[in-house]
Amino acid sequence: MDSLKVEANMISGSLITDNLNQNIQVLDRYQDIVRITLIDSDG
């Protein structure tokens, strides 16, 4: 759980939260580290 928190903070610090396509490009860089899911406010 501690390593997940560190990885989530690292990944979230890299996200550009206003542009979905750019966020997806950023998330693709981390895909070998951990399973990543990006969820909209409606689920």
PDB file of all heavy atoms in Angstrom:
ATOM      1  N   MET A   1       0.832  -1.209   0.000  1.00  0.00           N
ATOM      2  CA  MET A   1       0.000   0.000   0.000  1.00  0.00           C
ATOM      3  C   MET A   1       0.868   1.260   0.000  1.00  0.00           C
ATOM      4  O   MET A   1       0.562   2.224  -0.705  1.00  0.00           O
ATOM      5  CB  MET A   1      -0.951  -0.009   1.196  1.00  0.00           C
ATOM      6  CG  MET A   1      -2.055   1.009   1.087  1.00  0.00           C
ATOM      7  SD  MET A   1      -3.089   0.889  -0.399  1.00  0.00           S
ATOM      8  CE  MET A   1      -4.140  -0.482   0.018  1.00  0.00           C
ATOM      9  N   ASP A   2       1.954   1.249   0.754  1.00  0.00           N
ATOM     10  CA  ASP A   2       2.852   2.413   0.762  1.00  0.00           C
ATOM     11  C   ASP A   2       3.462   2.654  -0.613  1.00  0.00           C
ATOM     12  O   ASP A   2       3.574   3.798  -1.060  1.00  0.00           O
ATOM     13  CB  ASP A   2       3.958   2.239   1.805  1.00  0.00           C
ATOM     14  CG  ASP A   2       3.454   2.377   3.230  1.00  0.00           C
ATOM     15  OD1 ASP A   2       2.332   2.893   3.430  1.00  0.00           O
ATOM     16  OD2 ASP A   2       4.188   1.957   4.153  1.00  0.00           O
ATOM     17  N   SER A   3       3.851   1.583  -1.299  1.00  0.00           N
ATOM     18  CA  SER A   3       4.437   1.763  -2.638  1.00  0.00           C
ATOM     19  C   SER A   3       3.387   2.268  -3.620  1.00  0.00           C
ATOM     20  O   SER A   3       3.694   3.079  -4.497  1.00  0.00           O
ATOM     21  CB  SER A   3       5.082   0.474  -3.132  1.00  0.00           C
ATOM     22  OG  SER A   3       4.118  -0.480  -3.508  1.00  0.00           O
ATOM     23  N   LEU A   4       2.125   1.835  -3.464  1.00  0.00           N
ATOM     24  CA  LEU A   4       1.065   2.353  -4.332  1.00  0.00           C
ATOM     25  C   LEU A   4       0.859   3.849  -4.117  1.00  0.00           C
ATOM     26  O   LEU A   4       0.642   4.600  -5.069  1.00  0.00           O
ATOM     27  CB  LEU A   4      -0.250   1.613  -4.076  1.00  0.00           C
ATOM     28  CG  LEU A   4      -0.424   0.272  -4.759  1.00  0.00           C
ATOM     29  CD1 LEU A   4      -1.768  -0.339  -4.388  1.00  0.00           C
ATOM     30  CD2 LEU A   4      -0.294   0.373  -6.259  1.00  0.00           C
ATOM     31  N   LYS A   5       0.923   4.285  -2.866  1.00  0.00           N
ATOM     32  CA  LYS A   5       0.763   5.710  -2.576  1.00  0.00           C
ATOM     33  C   LYS A   5       1.870   6.522  -3.241  1.00  0.00           C
ATOM     34  O   LYS A   5       1.617   7.572  -3.841  1.00  0.00           O
ATOM     35  CB  LYS A   5       0.770   5.948  -1.065  1.00  0.00           C
ATOM     36  CG  LYS A   5      -0.470   5.446  -0.375  1.00  0.00           C
ATOM     37  CD  LYS A   5      -0.358   5.620   1.131  1.00  0.00           C
ATOM     38  CE  LYS A   5      -1.550   5.004   1.835  1.00  0.00           C
ATOM     39  NZ  LYS A   5      -1.449   5.093   3.292  1.00  0.00           N
ATOM     40  N   VAL A   6       3.099   6.045  -3.145  1.00  0.00           N
ATOM     41  CA  VAL A   6       4.227   6.746  -3.767  1.00  0.00           C
ATOM     42  C   VAL A   6       4.049   6.795  -5.280  1.00  0.00           C
ATOM     43  O   VAL A   6       4.231   7.846  -5.915  1.00  0.00           O
ATOM     44  CB  VAL A   6       5.561   6.058  -3.384  1.00  0.00           C
ATOM     45  CG1 VAL A   6       6.711   6.576  -4.235  1.00  0.00           C
ATOM     46  CG2 VAL A   6       5.847   6.242  -1.903  1.00  0.00           C
ATOM     47  N   GLU A   7       3.673   5.663  -5.874  1.00  0.00           N
ATOM     48  CA  GLU A   7       3.499   5.626  -7.328  1.00  0.00           C
ATOM     49  C   GLU A   7       2.343   6.513  -7.776  1.00  0.00           C
ATOM     50  O   GLU A   7       2.439   7.211  -8.784  1.00  0.00           O
ATOM     51  CB  GLU A   7       3.299   4.179  -7.778  1.00  0.00           C
ATOM     52  CG  GLU A   7       4.579   3.371  -7.660  1.00  0.00           C
ATOM     53  CD  GLU A   7       4.369   1.871  -7.577  1.00  0.00           C
ATOM     54  OE1 GLU A   7       3.213   1.421  -7.434  1.00  0.00           O
ATOM     55  OE2 GLU A   7       5.384   1.156  -7.628  1.00  0.00           O
ATOM     56  N   ALA A   8       1.243   6.511  -7.022  1.00  0.00           N
ATOM     57  CA  ALA A   8       0.104   7.365  -7.370  1.00  0.00           C
ATOM     58  C   ALA A   8       0.496   8.832  -7.300  1.00  0.00           C
ATOM     59  O   ALA A   8       0.132   9.625  -8.175  1.00  0.00           O
ATOM     60  CB  ALA A   8      -1.075   7.078  -6.445  1.00  0.00           C
ATOM     61  N   ASN A   9       1.230   9.209  -6.278  1.00  0.00           N
ATOM     62  CA  ASN A   9       1.671  10.605  -6.152  1.00  0.00           C
ATOM     63  C   ASN A   9       2.630  10.986  -7.269  1.00  0.00           C
ATOM     64  O   ASN A   9       2.570  12.097  -7.800  1.00  0.00           O
ATOM     65  CB  ASN A   9       2.303  10.849  -4.781  1.00  0.00           C
ATOM     66  CG  ASN A   9       1.269  10.844  -3.674  1.00  0.00           C
ATOM     67  OD1 ASN A   9       0.128  11.226  -3.886  1.00  0.00           O
ATOM     68  ND2 ASN A   9       1.666  10.395  -2.502  1.00  0.00           N
ATOM     69  N   MET A  10       3.509  10.065  -7.643  1.00  0.00           N
ATOM     70  CA  MET A  10       4.445  10.326  -8.732  1.00  0.00           C
ATOM     71  C   MET A  10       3.687  10.509 -10.051  1.00  0.00           C
ATOM     72  O   MET A  10       3.928  11.463 -10.792  1.00  0.00           O
ATOM     73  CB  MET A  10       5.438   9.166  -8.853  1.00  0.00           C
ATOM     74  CG  MET A  10       6.420   9.304  -9.993  1.00  0.00           C
ATOM     75  SD  MET A  10       7.507   7.867 -10.151  1.00  0.00           S
ATOM     76  CE  MET A  10       6.357   6.593 -10.616  1.00  0.00           C
ATOM     77  N   ILE A  11       2.757   9.617 -10.312  1.00  0.00           N
ATOM     78  CA  ILE A  11       1.998   9.685 -11.570  1.00  0.00           C
ATOM     79  C   ILE A  11       1.097  10.907 -11.583  1.00  0.00           C
ATOM     80  O   ILE A  11       1.031  11.638 -12.576  1.00  0.00           O
ATOM     81  CB  ILE A  11       1.179   8.394 -11.778  1.00  0.00           C
ATOM     82  CG1 ILE A  11       2.125   7.201 -11.984  1.00  0.00           C
ATOM     83  CG2 ILE A  11       0.243   8.538 -12.976  1.00  0.00           C
ATOM     84  CD1 ILE A  11       1.443   5.851 -11.908  1.00  0.00           C
ATOM     85  N   SER A  12       0.396  11.158 -10.479  1.00  0.00           N
ATOM     86  CA  SER A  12      -0.534  12.295 -10.457  1.00  0.00           C
ATOM     87  C   SER A  12       0.197  13.622 -10.595  1.00  0.00           C
ATOM     88  O   SER A  12      -0.345  14.573 -11.147  1.00  0.00           O
ATOM     89  CB  SER A  12      -1.385  12.272  -9.187  1.00  0.00           C
ATOM     90  OG  SER A  12      -0.596  12.471  -8.040  1.00  0.00           O
ATOM     91  N   GLY A  13       1.440  13.690 -10.129  1.00  0.00           N
ATOM     92  CA  GLY A  13       2.230  14.901 -10.294  1.00  0.00           C
ATOM     93  C   GLY A  13       2.608  15.160 -11.740  1.00  0.00           C
ATOM     94  O   GLY A  13       2.947  16.285 -12.105  1.00  0.00           O
ATOM     95  N   SER A  14       2.526  14.137 -12.572  1.00  0.00           N
ATOM     96  CA  SER A  14       2.881  14.278 -13.984  1.00  0.00           C
ATOM     97  C   SER A  14       1.693  14.591 -14.880  1.00  0.00           C
ATOM     98  O   SER A  14       1.867  14.899 -16.049  1.00  0.00           O
ATOM     99  CB  SER A  14       3.515  12.969 -14.486  1.00  0.00           C
ATOM    100  OG  SER A  14       4.628  12.633 -13.725  1.00  0.00           O
ATOM    101  N   LEU A  15       0.491  14.476 -14.334  1.00  0.00           N
ATOM    102  CA  LEU A  15      -0.694  14.644 -15.170  1.00  0.00           C
ATOM    103  C   LEU A  15      -1.026  16.110 -15.412  1.00  0.00           C
ATOM    104  O   LEU A  15      -0.862  16.955 -14.550  1.00  0.00           O
ATOM    105  CB  LEU A  15      -1.905  13.963 -14.521  1.00  0.00           C
ATOM    106  CG  LEU A  15      -1.874  12.442 -14.489  1.00  0.00           C
ATOM    107  CD1 LEU A  15      -3.113  11.919 -13.790  1.00  0.00           C
ATOM    108  CD2 LEU A  15      -1.774  11.865 -15.884  1.00  0.00           C
ATOM    109  N   ILE A  16      -1.502  16.359 -16.626  1.00  0.00           N
ATOM    110  CA  ILE A  16      -2.045  17.663 -16.989  1.00  0.00           C
ATOM    111  C   ILE A  16      -3.554  17.466 -16.925  1.00  0.00           C
ATOM    112  O   ILE A  16      -4.154  16.899 -17.823  1.00  0.00           O
ATOM    113  CB  ILE A  16      -1.597  18.079 -18.403  1.00  0.00           C
ATOM    114  CG1 ILE A  16      -0.073  18.062 -18.481  1.00  0.00           C
ATOM    115  CG2 ILE A  16      -2.169  19.429 -18.776  1.00  0.00           C
ATOM    116  CD1 ILE A  16       0.464  18.018 -19.876  1.00  0.00           C
ATOM    117  N   THR A  17      -4.155  17.911 -15.861  1.00  0.00           N
ATOM    118  CA  THR A  17      -5.524  17.491 -15.558  1.00  0.00           C
ATOM    119  C   THR A  17      -6.608  18.030 -16.474  1.00  0.00           C
ATOM    120  O   THR A  17      -7.732  17.589 -16.401  1.00  0.00           O
ATOM    121  CB  THR A  17      -5.882  17.853 -14.100  1.00  0.00           C
ATOM    122  OG1 THR A  17      -5.741  19.249 -13.945  1.00  0.00           O
ATOM    123  CG2 THR A  17      -5.009  17.111 -13.133  1.00  0.00           C
ATOM    124  N   ASP A  18      -6.316  18.979 -17.338  1.00  0.00           N
ATOM    125  CA  ASP A  18      -7.363  19.549 -18.188  1.00  0.00           C
ATOM    126  C   ASP A  18      -7.470  18.889 -19.559  1.00  0.00           C
ATOM    127  O   ASP A  18      -8.455  19.093 -20.254  1.00  0.00           O
ATOM    128  CB  ASP A  18      -7.135  21.051 -18.376  1.00  0.00           C
ATOM    129  CG  ASP A  18      -7.323  21.815 -17.080  1.00  0.00           C
ATOM    130  OD1 ASP A  18      -8.057  21.299 -16.207  1.00  0.00           O
ATOM    131  OD2 ASP A  18      -6.736  22.900 -16.929  1.00  0.00           O
ATOM    132  N   ASN A  19      -6.494  18.115 -19.971  1.00  0.00           N
ATOM    133  CA  ASN A  19      -6.506  17.558 -21.311  1.00  0.00           C
ATOM    134  C   ASN A  19      -6.409  16.036 -21.248  1.00  0.00           C
ATOM    135  O   ASN A  19      -5.359  15.485 -20.936  1.00  0.00           O
ATOM    136  CB  ASN A  19      -5.337  18.141 -22.110  1.00  0.00           C
ATOM    137  CG  ASN A  19      -5.388  17.743 -23.565  1.00  0.00           C
ATOM    138  OD1 ASN A  19      -5.552  16.579 -23.903  1.00  0.00           O
ATOM    139  ND2 ASN A  19      -5.234  18.729 -24.437  1.00  0.00           N
ATOM    140  N   LEU A  20      -7.511  15.359 -21.588  1.00  0.00           N
ATOM    141  CA  LEU A  20      -7.572  13.901 -21.475  1.00  0.00           C
ATOM    142  C   LEU A  20      -6.541  13.220 -22.370  1.00  0.00           C
ATOM    143  O   LEU A  20      -5.856  12.284 -21.937  1.00  0.00           O
ATOM    144  CB  LEU A  20      -8.981  13.398 -21.798  1.00  0.00           C
ATOM    145  CG  LEU A  20      -9.168  11.884 -21.731  1.00  0.00           C
ATOM    146  CD1 LEU A  20      -8.863  11.358 -20.327  1.00  0.00           C
ATOM    147  CD2 LEU A  20     -10.577  11.498 -22.142  1.00  0.00           C
ATOM    148  N   ASN A  21      -6.402  13.639 -23.606  1.00  0.00           N
ATOM    149  CA  ASN A  21      -5.453  12.990 -24.520  1.00  0.00           C
ATOM    150  C   ASN A  21      -4.015  13.110 -24.026  1.00  0.00           C
ATOM    151  O   ASN A  21      -3.242  12.146 -24.110  1.00  0.00           O
ATOM    152  CB  ASN A  21      -5.581  13.577 -25.932  1.00  0.00           C
ATOM    153  CG  ASN A  21      -6.887  13.159 -26.582  1.00  0.00           C
ATOM    154  OD1 ASN A  21      -7.433  12.099 -26.284  1.00  0.00           O
ATOM    155  ND2 ASN A  21      -7.407  14.005 -27.447  1.00  0.00           N
ATOM    156  N   GLN A  22      -3.643  14.273 -23.520  1.00  0.00           N
ATOM    157  CA  GLN A  22      -2.294  14.425 -22.976  1.00  0.00           C
ATOM    158  C   GLN A  22      -2.125  13.579 -21.715  1.00  0.00           C
ATOM    159  O   GLN A  22      -1.062  13.007 -21.488  1.00  0.00           O
ATOM    160  CB  GLN A  22      -2.002  15.890 -22.682  1.00  0.00           C
ATOM    161  CG  GLN A  22      -1.780  16.708 -23.934  1.00  0.00           C
ATOM    162  CD  GLN A  22      -1.524  18.170 -23.618  1.00  0.00           C
ATOM    163  OE1 GLN A  22      -1.919  18.663 -22.564  1.00  0.00           O
ATOM    164  NE2 GLN A  22      -0.872  18.861 -24.551  1.00  0.00           N
ATOM    165  N   ASN A  23      -3.174  13.497 -20.901  1.00  0.00           N
ATOM    166  CA  ASN A  23      -3.106  12.657 -19.706  1.00  0.00           C
ATOM    167  C   ASN A  23      -2.887  11.194 -20.073  1.00  0.00           C
ATOM    168  O   ASN A  23      -2.103  10.502 -19.433  1.00  0.00           O
ATOM    169  CB  ASN A  23      -4.385  12.791 -18.877  1.00  0.00           C
ATOM    170  CG  ASN A  23      -4.439  14.101 -18.121  1.00  0.00           C
ATOM    171  OD1 ASN A  23      -3.410  14.714 -17.858  1.00  0.00           O
ATOM    172  ND2 ASN A  23      -5.635  14.527 -17.779  1.00  0.00           N
ATOM    173  N   ILE A  24      -3.571  10.736 -21.096  1.00  0.00           N
ATOM    174  CA  ILE A  24      -3.425   9.346 -21.527  1.00  0.00           C
ATOM    175  C   ILE A  24      -2.009   9.088 -22.027  1.00  0.00           C
ATOM    176  O   ILE A  24      -1.415   8.044 -21.740  1.00  0.00           O
ATOM    177  CB  ILE A  24      -4.496   8.984 -22.579  1.00  0.00           C
ATOM    178  CG1 ILE A  24      -5.864   8.914 -21.885  1.00  0.00           C
ATOM    179  CG2 ILE A  24      -4.164   7.678 -23.286  1.00  0.00           C
ATOM    180  CD1 ILE A  24      -7.043   8.735 -22.806  1.00  0.00           C
ATOM    181  N   GLN A  25      -1.427  10.037 -22.748  1.00  0.00           N
ATOM    182  CA  GLN A  25      -0.041   9.886 -23.191  1.00  0.00           C
ATOM    183  C   GLN A  25       0.905   9.787 -21.998  1.00  0.00           C
ATOM    184  O   GLN A  25       1.847   9.001 -22.000  1.00  0.00           O
ATOM    185  CB  GLN A  25       0.358  11.058 -24.097  1.00  0.00           C
ATOM    186  CG  GLN A  25      -0.318  11.034 -25.443  1.00  0.00           C
ATOM    187  CD  GLN A  25      -0.022  12.276 -26.258  1.00  0.00           C
ATOM    188  OE1 GLN A  25       0.622  13.224 -25.787  1.00  0.00           O
ATOM    189  NE2 GLN A  25      -0.494  12.292 -27.495  1.00  0.00           N
ATOM    190  N   VAL A  26       0.651  10.595 -20.984  1.00  0.00           N
ATOM    191  CA  VAL A  26       1.476  10.546 -19.770  1.00  0.00           C
ATOM    192  C   VAL A  26       1.300   9.195 -19.078  1.00  0.00           C
ATOM    193  O   VAL A  26       2.274   8.554 -18.664  1.00  0.00           O
ATOM    194  CB  VAL A  26       1.118  11.708 -18.811  1.00  0.00           C
ATOM    195  CG1 VAL A  26       1.785  11.515 -17.456  1.00  0.00           C
ATOM    196  CG2 VAL A  26       1.515  13.037 -19.422  1.00  0.00           C
ATOM    197  N   LEU A  27       0.061   8.740 -18.948  1.00  0.00           N
ATOM    198  CA  LEU A  27      -0.209   7.474 -18.259  1.00  0.00           C
ATOM    199  C   LEU A  27       0.427   6.288 -18.983  1.00  0.00           C
ATOM    200  O   LEU A  27       0.866   5.335 -18.335  1.00  0.00           O
ATOM    201  CB  LEU A  27      -1.724   7.261 -18.117  1.00  0.00           C
ATOM    202  CG  LEU A  27      -2.434   8.246 -17.191  1.00  0.00           C
ATOM    203  CD1 LEU A  27      -3.938   8.011 -17.228  1.00  0.00           C
ATOM    204  CD2 LEU A  27      -1.903   8.165 -15.782  1.00  0.00           C
ATOM    205  N   ASP A  28       0.489   6.357 -20.302  1.00  0.00           N
ATOM    206  CA  ASP A  28       1.123   5.271 -21.067  1.00  0.00           C
ATOM    207  C   ASP A  28       2.588   5.087 -20.686  1.00  0.00           C
ATOM    208  O   ASP A  28       3.120   3.981 -20.776  1.00  0.00           O
ATOM    209  CB  ASP A  28       1.010   5.540 -22.571  1.00  0.00           C
ATOM    210  CG  ASP A  28      -0.366   5.196 -23.114  1.00  0.00           C
ATOM    211  OD1 ASP A  28      -1.081   4.387 -22.478  1.00  0.00           O
ATOM    212  OD2 ASP A  28      -0.733   5.731 -24.182  1.00  0.00           O
ATOM    213  N   ARG A  29       3.237   6.148 -20.245  1.00  0.00           N
ATOM    214  CA  ARG A  29       4.651   6.042 -19.848  1.00  0.00           C
ATOM    215  C   ARG A  29       4.834   5.223 -18.576  1.00  0.00           C
ATOM    216  O   ARG A  29       5.901   4.701 -18.318  1.00  0.00           O
ATOM    217  CB  ARG A  29       5.245   7.436 -19.639  1.00  0.00           C
ATOM    218  CG  ARG A  29       5.475   8.176 -20.930  1.00  0.00           C
ATOM    219  CD  ARG A  29       6.247   9.442 -20.667  1.00  0.00           C
ATOM    220  NE  ARG A  29       5.383  10.550 -21.078  1.00  0.00           N
ATOM    221  CZ  ARG A  29       5.394  11.732 -20.524  1.00  0.00           C
ATOM    222  NH1 ARG A  29       6.192  12.001 -19.528  1.00  0.00           N
ATOM    223  NH2 ARG A  29       4.596  12.676 -20.957  1.00  0.00           N
ATOM    224  N   TYR A  30       3.798   5.145 -17.754  1.00  0.00           N
ATOM    225  CA  TYR A  30       3.894   4.455 -16.469  1.00  0.00           C
ATOM    226  C   TYR A  30       3.261   3.065 -16.475  1.00  0.00           C
ATOM    227  O   TYR A  30       3.217   2.404 -15.445  1.00  0.00           O
ATOM    228  CB  TYR A  30       3.208   5.284 -15.375  1.00  0.00           C
ATOM    229  CG  TYR A  30       3.875   6.598 -15.106  1.00  0.00           C
ATOM    230  CD1 TYR A  30       3.349   7.781 -15.608  1.00  0.00           C
ATOM    231  CD2 TYR A  30       5.033   6.666 -14.345  1.00  0.00           C
ATOM    232  CE1 TYR A  30       3.957   8.999 -15.353  1.00  0.00           C
ATOM    233  CE2 TYR A  30       5.657   7.880 -14.087  1.00  0.00           C
ATOM    234  CZ  TYR A  30       5.102   9.036 -14.596  1.00  0.00           C
ATOM    235  OH  TYR A  30       5.717  10.228 -14.344  1.00  0.00           O
ATOM    236  N   GLN A  31       2.802   2.604 -17.621  1.00  0.00           N
ATOM    237  CA  GLN A  31       2.004   1.387 -17.652  1.00  0.00           C
ATOM    238  C   GLN A  31       2.760   0.127 -17.242  1.00  0.00           C
ATOM    239  O   GLN A  31       2.143  -0.852 -16.817  1.00  0.00           O
ATOM    240  CB  GLN A  31       1.360   1.205 -19.015  1.00  0.00           C
ATOM    241  CG  GLN A  31       2.325   0.929 -20.144  1.00  0.00           C
ATOM    242  CD  GLN A  31       1.580   0.795 -21.449  1.00  0.00           C
ATOM    243  OE1 GLN A  31       0.388   0.548 -21.471  1.00  0.00           O
ATOM    244  NE2 GLN A  31       2.296   0.954 -22.544  1.00  0.00           N
ATOM    245  N   ASP A  32       4.074   0.131 -17.329  1.00  0.00           N
ATOM    246  CA  ASP A  32       4.834  -1.054 -16.932  1.00  0.00           C
ATOM    247  C   ASP A  32       5.092  -1.111 -15.429  1.00  0.00           C
ATOM    248  O   ASP A  32       5.545  -2.130 -14.916  1.00  0.00           O
ATOM    249  CB  ASP A  32       6.171  -1.107 -17.674  1.00  0.00           C
ATOM    250  CG  ASP A  32       5.983  -1.297 -19.171  1.00  0.00           C
ATOM    251  OD1 ASP A  32       4.950  -1.877 -19.560  1.00  0.00           O
ATOM    252  OD2 ASP A  32       6.854  -0.859 -19.938  1.00  0.00           O
ATOM    253  N   ILE A  33       4.810  -0.034 -14.720  1.00  0.00           N
ATOM    254  CA  ILE A  33       5.084   0.031 -13.292  1.00  0.00           C
ATOM    255  C   ILE A  33       3.948  -0.574 -12.474  1.00  0.00           C
ATOM    256  O   ILE A  33       4.162  -1.355 -11.553  1.00  0.00           O
ATOM    257  CB  ILE A  33       5.314   1.495 -12.858  1.00  0.00           C
ATOM    258  CG1 ILE A  33       6.532   2.053 -13.572  1.00  0.00           C
ATOM    259  CG2 ILE A  33       5.469   1.594 -11.358  1.00  0.00           C
ATOM    260  CD1 ILE A  33       6.742   3.531 -13.346  1.00  0.00           C
ATOM    261  N   VAL A  34       2.715  -0.194 -12.818  1.00  0.00           N
ATOM    262  CA  VAL A  34       1.569  -0.524 -11.992  1.00  0.00           C
ATOM    263  C   VAL A  34       0.314  -0.474 -12.863  1.00  0.00           C
ATOM    264  O   VAL A  34       0.325   0.124 -13.941  1.00  0.00           O
ATOM    265  CB  VAL A  34       1.485   0.473 -10.803  1.00  0.00           C
ATOM    266  CG1 VAL A  34       1.141   1.855 -11.254  1.00  0.00           C
ATOM    267  CG2 VAL A  34       0.564   0.010  -9.716  1.00  0.00           C
ATOM    268  N   ARG A  35      -0.763  -1.109 -12.424  1.00  0.00           N
ATOM    269  CA  ARG A  35      -2.021  -0.969 -13.153  1.00  0.00           C
ATOM    270  C   ARG A  35      -2.586   0.421 -12.874  1.00  0.00           C
ATOM    271  O   ARG A  35      -2.669   0.859 -11.733  1.00  0.00           O
ATOM    272  CB  ARG A  35      -3.034  -2.022 -12.719  1.00  0.00           C
ATOM    273  CG  ARG A  35      -4.321  -1.869 -13.503  1.00  0.00           C
ATOM    274  CD  ARG A  35      -5.325  -2.922 -13.210  1.00  0.00           C
ATOM    275  NE  ARG A  35      -6.506  -2.685 -14.039  1.00  0.00           N
ATOM    276  CZ  ARG A  35      -7.610  -3.377 -13.934  1.00  0.00           C
ATOM    277  NH1 ARG A  35      -7.698  -4.345 -13.049  1.00  0.00           N
ATOM    278  NH2 ARG A  35      -8.630  -3.098 -14.711  1.00  0.00           N
ATOM    279  N   ILE A  36      -2.987   1.092 -13.946  1.00  0.00           N
ATOM    280  CA  ILE A  36      -3.465   2.465 -13.846  1.00  0.00           C
ATOM    281  C   ILE A  36      -4.866   2.570 -14.447  1.00  0.00           C
ATOM    282  O   ILE A  36      -5.108   2.059 -15.547  1.00  0.00           O
ATOM    283  CB  ILE A  36      -2.535   3.436 -14.602  1.00  0.00           C
ATOM    284  CG1 ILE A  36      -1.114   3.324 -14.071  1.00  0.00           C
ATOM    285  CG2 ILE A  36      -3.054   4.862 -14.517  1.00  0.00           C
ATOM    286  CD1 ILE A  36      -0.084   4.018 -14.931  1.00  0.00           C
ATOM    287  N   THR A  37      -5.750   3.229 -13.733  1.00  0.00           N
ATOM    288  CA  THR A  37      -7.100   3.499 -14.227  1.00  0.00           C
ATOM    289  C   THR A  37      -7.387   4.975 -14.012  1.00  0.00           C
ATOM    290  O   THR A  37      -7.139   5.497 -12.925  1.00  0.00           O
ATOM    291  CB  THR A  37      -8.143   2.649 -13.470  1.00  0.00           C
ATOM    292  OG1 THR A  37      -7.749   1.283 -13.479  1.00  0.00           O
ATOM    293  CG2 THR A  37      -9.515   2.780 -14.099  1.00  0.00           C
ATOM    294  N   LEU A  38      -7.893   5.627 -15.042  1.00  0.00           N
ATOM    295  CA  LEU A  38      -8.331   7.014 -14.925  1.00  0.00           C
ATOM    296  C   LEU A  38      -9.848   7.005 -15.047  1.00  0.00           C
ATOM    297  O   LEU A  38     -10.403   6.475 -16.009  1.00  0.00           O
ATOM    298  CB  LEU A  38      -7.706   7.897 -16.010  1.00  0.00           C
ATOM    299  CG  LEU A  38      -7.985   9.391 -15.884  1.00  0.00           C
ATOM    300  CD1 LEU A  38      -7.361   9.949 -14.593  1.00  0.00           C
ATOM    301  CD2 LEU A  38      -7.448  10.142 -17.092  1.00  0.00           C
ATOM    302  N   ILE A  39     -10.508   7.590 -14.046  1.00  0.00           N
ATOM    303  CA  ILE A  39     -11.958   7.515 -13.933  1.00  0.00           C
ATOM    304  C   ILE A  39     -12.517   8.934 -13.945  1.00  0.00           C
ATOM    305  O   ILE A  39     -11.983   9.832 -13.290  1.00  0.00           O
ATOM    306  CB  ILE A  39     -12.346   6.789 -12.621  1.00  0.00           C
ATOM    307  CG1 ILE A  39     -11.681   5.416 -12.584  1.00  0.00           C
ATOM    308  CG2 ILE A  39     -13.849   6.693 -12.468  1.00  0.00           C
ATOM    309  CD1 ILE A  39     -11.595   4.813 -11.209  1.00  0.00           C
ATOM    310  N   ASP A  40     -13.612   9.112 -14.675  1.00  0.00           N
ATOM    311  CA  ASP A  40     -14.285  10.417 -14.713  1.00  0.00           C
ATOM    312  C   ASP A  40     -15.140  10.583 -13.456  1.00  0.00           C
ATOM    313  O   ASP A  40     -15.407   9.620 -12.733  1.00  0.00           O
ATOM    314  CB  ASP A  40     -15.160  10.519 -15.966  1.00  0.00           C
ATOM    315  CG  ASP A  40     -15.425  11.949 -16.385  1.00  0.00           C
ATOM    316  OD1 ASP A  40     -15.068  12.871 -15.637  1.00  0.00           O
ATOM    317  OD2 ASP A  40     -16.001  12.139 -17.475  1.00  0.00           O
ATOM    318  N   SER A  41     -15.587  11.795 -13.205  1.00  0.00           N
ATOM    319  CA  SER A  41     -16.355  12.091 -11.987  1.00  0.00           C
ATOM    320  C   SER A  41     -17.678  11.323 -11.916  1.00  0.00           C
ATOM    321  O   SER A  41     -18.215  11.118 -10.839  1.00  0.00           O
ATOM    322  CB  SER A  41     -16.622  13.589 -11.875  1.00  0.00           C
ATOM    323  OG  SER A  41     -17.339  14.025 -13.013  1.00  0.00           O
ATOM    324  N   ASP A  42     -18.195  10.865 -13.064  1.00  0.00           N
ATOM    325  CA  ASP A  42     -19.438  10.103 -13.060  1.00  0.00           C
ATOM    326  C   ASP A  42     -19.203   8.591 -12.959  1.00  0.00           C
ATOM    327  O   ASP A  42     -20.127   7.800 -13.017  1.00  0.00           O
ATOM    328  CB  ASP A  42     -20.273  10.422 -14.294  1.00  0.00           C
ATOM    329  CG  ASP A  42     -19.617   9.978 -15.591  1.00  0.00           C
ATOM    330  OD1 ASP A  42     -18.474   9.469 -15.567  1.00  0.00           O
ATOM    331  OD2 ASP A  42     -20.246  10.156 -16.655  1.00  0.00           O
ATOM    332  N   GLY A  43     -17.927   8.177 -12.800  1.00  0.00           N
ATOM    333  CA  GLY A  43     -17.589   6.763 -12.652  1.00  0.00           C
ATOM    334  C   GLY A  43     -17.201   6.065 -13.942  1.00  0.00           C
ATOM    335  O   GLY A  43     -16.807   4.897 -13.929  1.00  0.00           O
TER     336      GLY A  43
END
